[in-house]
């Protein structure tokens, strides 16, 4: 059996097994919170037209989505979630930073949140 997770949104009654989470966000730090696809934290920015992921260089589209993240420091560098996840695993906690502006404080906090 997988681990079941309850959601932290006080009015949301959903629960799920972690392997079945899909577009849910589970934060493996602090309080180890989980959020469903409807109540997960979201970035408010949207990419400009013709914006590419700073890692794989593929287009990220022209609107915010579950699969894309923006650097909170420079606010114009976009990443696919899967690209930034791989970058974080490769860089480790000491050298993980925005590929464009080099910020690591705000960047690490925001990327951990999502």
C-alpha atoms as a PDB file:
ATOM      1  CA  UNK A   1       0.000   0.000   0.000  1.00  0.00           C
ATOM      2  CA  UNK A   2       1.068   3.578  -0.632  1.00  0.00           C
ATOM      3  CA  UNK A   3       0.999   6.323   1.962  1.00  0.00           C
ATOM      4  CA  UNK A   4      -2.281   8.199   2.168  1.00  0.00           C
ATOM      5  CA  UNK A   5      -2.161  11.940   2.442  1.00  0.00           C
ATOM      6  CA  UNK A   6      -4.810  14.290   3.740  1.00  0.00           C
ATOM      7  CA  UNK A   7      -5.060  17.755   2.306  1.00  0.00           C
ATOM      8  CA  UNK A   8      -4.300  20.920   4.216  1.00  0.00           C
ATOM      9  CA  UNK A   9      -7.052  23.075   2.731  1.00  0.00           C
ATOM     10  CA  UNK A  10      -9.499  23.241   5.636  1.00  0.00           C
ATOM     11  CA  UNK A  11     -12.594  22.875   3.460  1.00  0.00           C
ATOM     12  CA  UNK A  12     -11.179  20.210   1.124  1.00  0.00           C
ATOM     13  CA  UNK A  13     -12.055  16.623   2.051  1.00  0.00           C
ATOM     14  CA  UNK A  14      -9.944  14.897  -0.608  1.00  0.00           C
ATOM     15  CA  UNK A  15      -7.341  12.320   0.306  1.00  0.00           C
ATOM     16  CA  UNK A  16      -5.137  10.236  -1.944  1.00  0.00           C
ATOM     17  CA  UNK A  17      -2.243   7.805  -2.024  1.00  0.00           C
ATOM     18  CA  UNK A  18       0.999   9.629  -2.815  1.00  0.00           C
ATOM     19  CA  UNK A  19       1.690   7.585  -5.975  1.00  0.00           C
ATOM     20  CA  UNK A  20      -1.779   8.627  -7.232  1.00  0.00           C
ATOM     21  CA  UNK A  21      -1.316  12.347  -6.514  1.00  0.00           C
ATOM     22  CA  UNK A  22      -1.136  13.532 -10.152  1.00  0.00           C
ATOM     23  CA  UNK A  23      -1.220  17.346 -10.211  1.00  0.00           C
ATOM     24  CA  UNK A  24      -1.118  17.599  -6.442  1.00  0.00           C
ATOM     25  CA  UNK A  25       1.716  19.248  -4.560  1.00  0.00           C
ATOM     26  CA  UNK A  26       3.332  17.487  -1.641  1.00  0.00           C
ATOM     27  CA  UNK A  27       5.943  19.507   0.236  1.00  0.00           C
ATOM     28  CA  UNK A  28       8.646  17.350   1.770  1.00  0.00           C
ATOM     29  CA  UNK A  29       9.845  19.995   4.234  1.00  0.00           C
ATOM     30  CA  UNK A  30       8.501  21.887   7.245  1.00  0.00           C
ATOM     31  CA  UNK A  31       5.003  20.580   8.003  1.00  0.00           C
ATOM     32  CA  UNK A  32       5.025  18.151   5.023  1.00  0.00           C
ATOM     33  CA  UNK A  33       1.853  19.633   3.616  1.00  0.00           C
ATOM     34  CA  UNK A  34      -0.147  18.255   0.681  1.00  0.00           C
ATOM     35  CA  UNK A  35      -2.470  20.108  -1.662  1.00  0.00           C
ATOM     36  CA  UNK A  36      -4.919  18.735  -4.221  1.00  0.00           C
ATOM     37  CA  UNK A  37      -5.058  19.830  -7.873  1.00  0.00           C
ATOM     38  CA  UNK A  38      -7.716  22.402  -7.024  1.00  0.00           C
ATOM     39  CA  UNK A  39      -6.205  23.919  -3.855  1.00  0.00           C
ATOM     40  CA  UNK A  40      -2.451  23.761  -4.490  1.00  0.00           C
ATOM     41  CA  UNK A  41      -0.366  26.950  -4.248  1.00  0.00           C
ATOM     42  CA  UNK A  42       0.046  28.730  -7.565  1.00  0.00           C
ATOM     43  CA  UNK A  43       2.395  31.318  -8.944  1.00  0.00           C
ATOM     44  CA  UNK A  44       0.583  34.430 -10.122  1.00  0.00           C
ATOM     45  CA  UNK A  45       2.824  35.301 -13.085  1.00  0.00           C
ATOM     46  CA  UNK A  46       2.211  34.181 -16.666  1.00  0.00           C
ATOM     47  CA  UNK A  47       4.933  33.816 -19.285  1.00  0.00           C
ATOM     48  CA  UNK A  48       5.161  36.204 -22.205  1.00  0.00           C
ATOM     49  CA  UNK A  49       4.516  34.800 -25.668  1.00  0.00           C
ATOM     50  CA  UNK A  50       7.530  32.890 -27.083  1.00  0.00           C
ATOM     51  CA  UNK A  51       9.025  32.199 -23.642  1.00  0.00           C
ATOM     52  CA  UNK A  52      11.248  29.123 -23.402  1.00  0.00           C
ATOM     53  CA  UNK A  53      12.375  26.965 -20.493  1.00  0.00           C
ATOM     54  CA  UNK A  54      15.829  28.153 -19.426  1.00  0.00           C
ATOM     55  CA  UNK A  55      17.009  24.531 -19.172  1.00  0.00           C
ATOM     56  CA  UNK A  56      15.567  22.562 -22.111  1.00  0.00           C
ATOM     57  CA  UNK A  57      14.763  25.596 -24.321  1.00  0.00           C
ATOM     58  CA  UNK A  58      11.289  24.288 -25.233  1.00  0.00           C
ATOM     59  CA  UNK A  59       8.380  26.738 -25.311  1.00  0.00           C
ATOM     60  CA  UNK A  60       6.484  27.041 -22.003  1.00  0.00           C
ATOM     61  CA  UNK A  61       3.418  28.517 -23.660  1.00  0.00           C
ATOM     62  CA  UNK A  62       1.818  31.846 -22.847  1.00  0.00           C
ATOM     63  CA  UNK A  63       0.014  31.089 -19.573  1.00  0.00           C
ATOM     64  CA  UNK A  64       0.866  29.696 -16.167  1.00  0.00           C
ATOM     65  CA  UNK A  65       0.359  25.974 -15.677  1.00  0.00           C
ATOM     66  CA  UNK A  66       1.062  23.222 -13.172  1.00  0.00           C
ATOM     67  CA  UNK A  67       4.082  22.143 -15.204  1.00  0.00           C
ATOM     68  CA  UNK A  68       5.836  25.544 -15.386  1.00  0.00           C
ATOM     69  CA  UNK A  69       7.576  27.728 -12.783  1.00  0.00           C
ATOM     70  CA  UNK A  70       9.057  31.226 -12.867  1.00  0.00           C
ATOM     71  CA  UNK A  71      12.003  32.550 -10.870  1.00  0.00           C
ATOM     72  CA  UNK A  72      10.592  34.839  -8.142  1.00  0.00           C
ATOM     73  CA  UNK A  73      13.728  37.010  -8.129  1.00  0.00           C
ATOM     74  CA  UNK A  74      14.093  38.025 -11.779  1.00  0.00           C
ATOM     75  CA  UNK A  75      10.430  37.204 -12.689  1.00  0.00           C
ATOM     76  CA  UNK A  76      11.209  36.483 -16.355  1.00  0.00           C
ATOM     77  CA  UNK A  77      13.072  33.165 -16.321  1.00  0.00           C
ATOM     78  CA  UNK A  78      10.755  30.198 -16.790  1.00  0.00           C
ATOM     79  CA  UNK A  79      11.300  26.493 -16.255  1.00  0.00           C
ATOM     80  CA  UNK A  80       9.404  23.293 -16.736  1.00  0.00           C
ATOM     81  CA  UNK A  81       8.778  21.608 -13.380  1.00  0.00           C
ATOM     82  CA  UNK A  82      10.456  18.397 -14.575  1.00  0.00           C
ATOM     83  CA  UNK A  83      13.551  20.349 -15.733  1.00  0.00           C
ATOM     84  CA  UNK A  84      13.913  22.259 -12.461  1.00  0.00           C
ATOM     85  CA  UNK A  85      13.395  19.038 -10.470  1.00  0.00           C
ATOM     86  CA  UNK A  86      16.269  17.370 -12.329  1.00  0.00           C
ATOM     87  CA  UNK A  87      18.414  20.498 -11.936  1.00  0.00           C
ATOM     88  CA  UNK A  88      17.755  20.533  -8.176  1.00  0.00           C
ATOM     89  CA  UNK A  89      18.717  16.878  -7.846  1.00  0.00           C
ATOM     90  CA  UNK A  90      21.932  17.460  -9.810  1.00  0.00           C
ATOM     91  CA  UNK A  91      22.915  20.761  -8.153  1.00  0.00           C
ATOM     92  CA  UNK A  92      22.181  19.886  -4.543  1.00  0.00           C
ATOM     93  CA  UNK A  93      21.254  22.427  -1.900  1.00  0.00           C
ATOM     94  CA  UNK A  94      24.449  24.484  -2.035  1.00  0.00           C
ATOM     95  CA  UNK A  95      24.582  25.333  -5.749  1.00  0.00           C
ATOM     96  CA  UNK A  96      20.901  25.309  -6.777  1.00  0.00           C
ATOM     97  CA  UNK A  97      20.086  28.737  -8.225  1.00  0.00           C
ATOM     98  CA  UNK A  98      18.293  30.529 -11.057  1.00  0.00           C
ATOM     99  CA  UNK A  99      20.066  29.896 -14.355  1.00  0.00           C
ATOM    100  CA  UNK A 100      19.531  33.522 -15.373  1.00  0.00           C
ATOM    101  CA  UNK A 101      19.964  35.806 -12.349  1.00  0.00           C
ATOM    102  CA  UNK A 102      21.890  33.452 -10.031  1.00  0.00           C
ATOM    103  CA  UNK A 103      19.576  34.096  -7.070  1.00  0.00           C
ATOM    104  CA  UNK A 104      19.471  31.160  -4.697  1.00  0.00           C
ATOM    105  CA  UNK A 105      17.616  32.453  -1.618  1.00  0.00           C
ATOM    106  CA  UNK A 106      14.205  33.334  -3.079  1.00  0.00           C
ATOM    107  CA  UNK A 107      14.656  30.829  -5.868  1.00  0.00           C
ATOM    108  CA  UNK A 108      15.236  27.819  -3.591  1.00  0.00           C
ATOM    109  CA  UNK A 109      12.345  28.731  -1.321  1.00  0.00           C
ATOM    110  CA  UNK A 110       9.914  29.151  -4.238  1.00  0.00           C
ATOM    111  CA  UNK A 111      11.030  26.005  -6.037  1.00  0.00           C
ATOM    112  CA  UNK A 112      10.701  23.993  -2.804  1.00  0.00           C
ATOM    113  CA  UNK A 113       7.170  25.305  -2.331  1.00  0.00           C
ATOM    114  CA  UNK A 114       6.160  24.032  -5.756  1.00  0.00           C
END
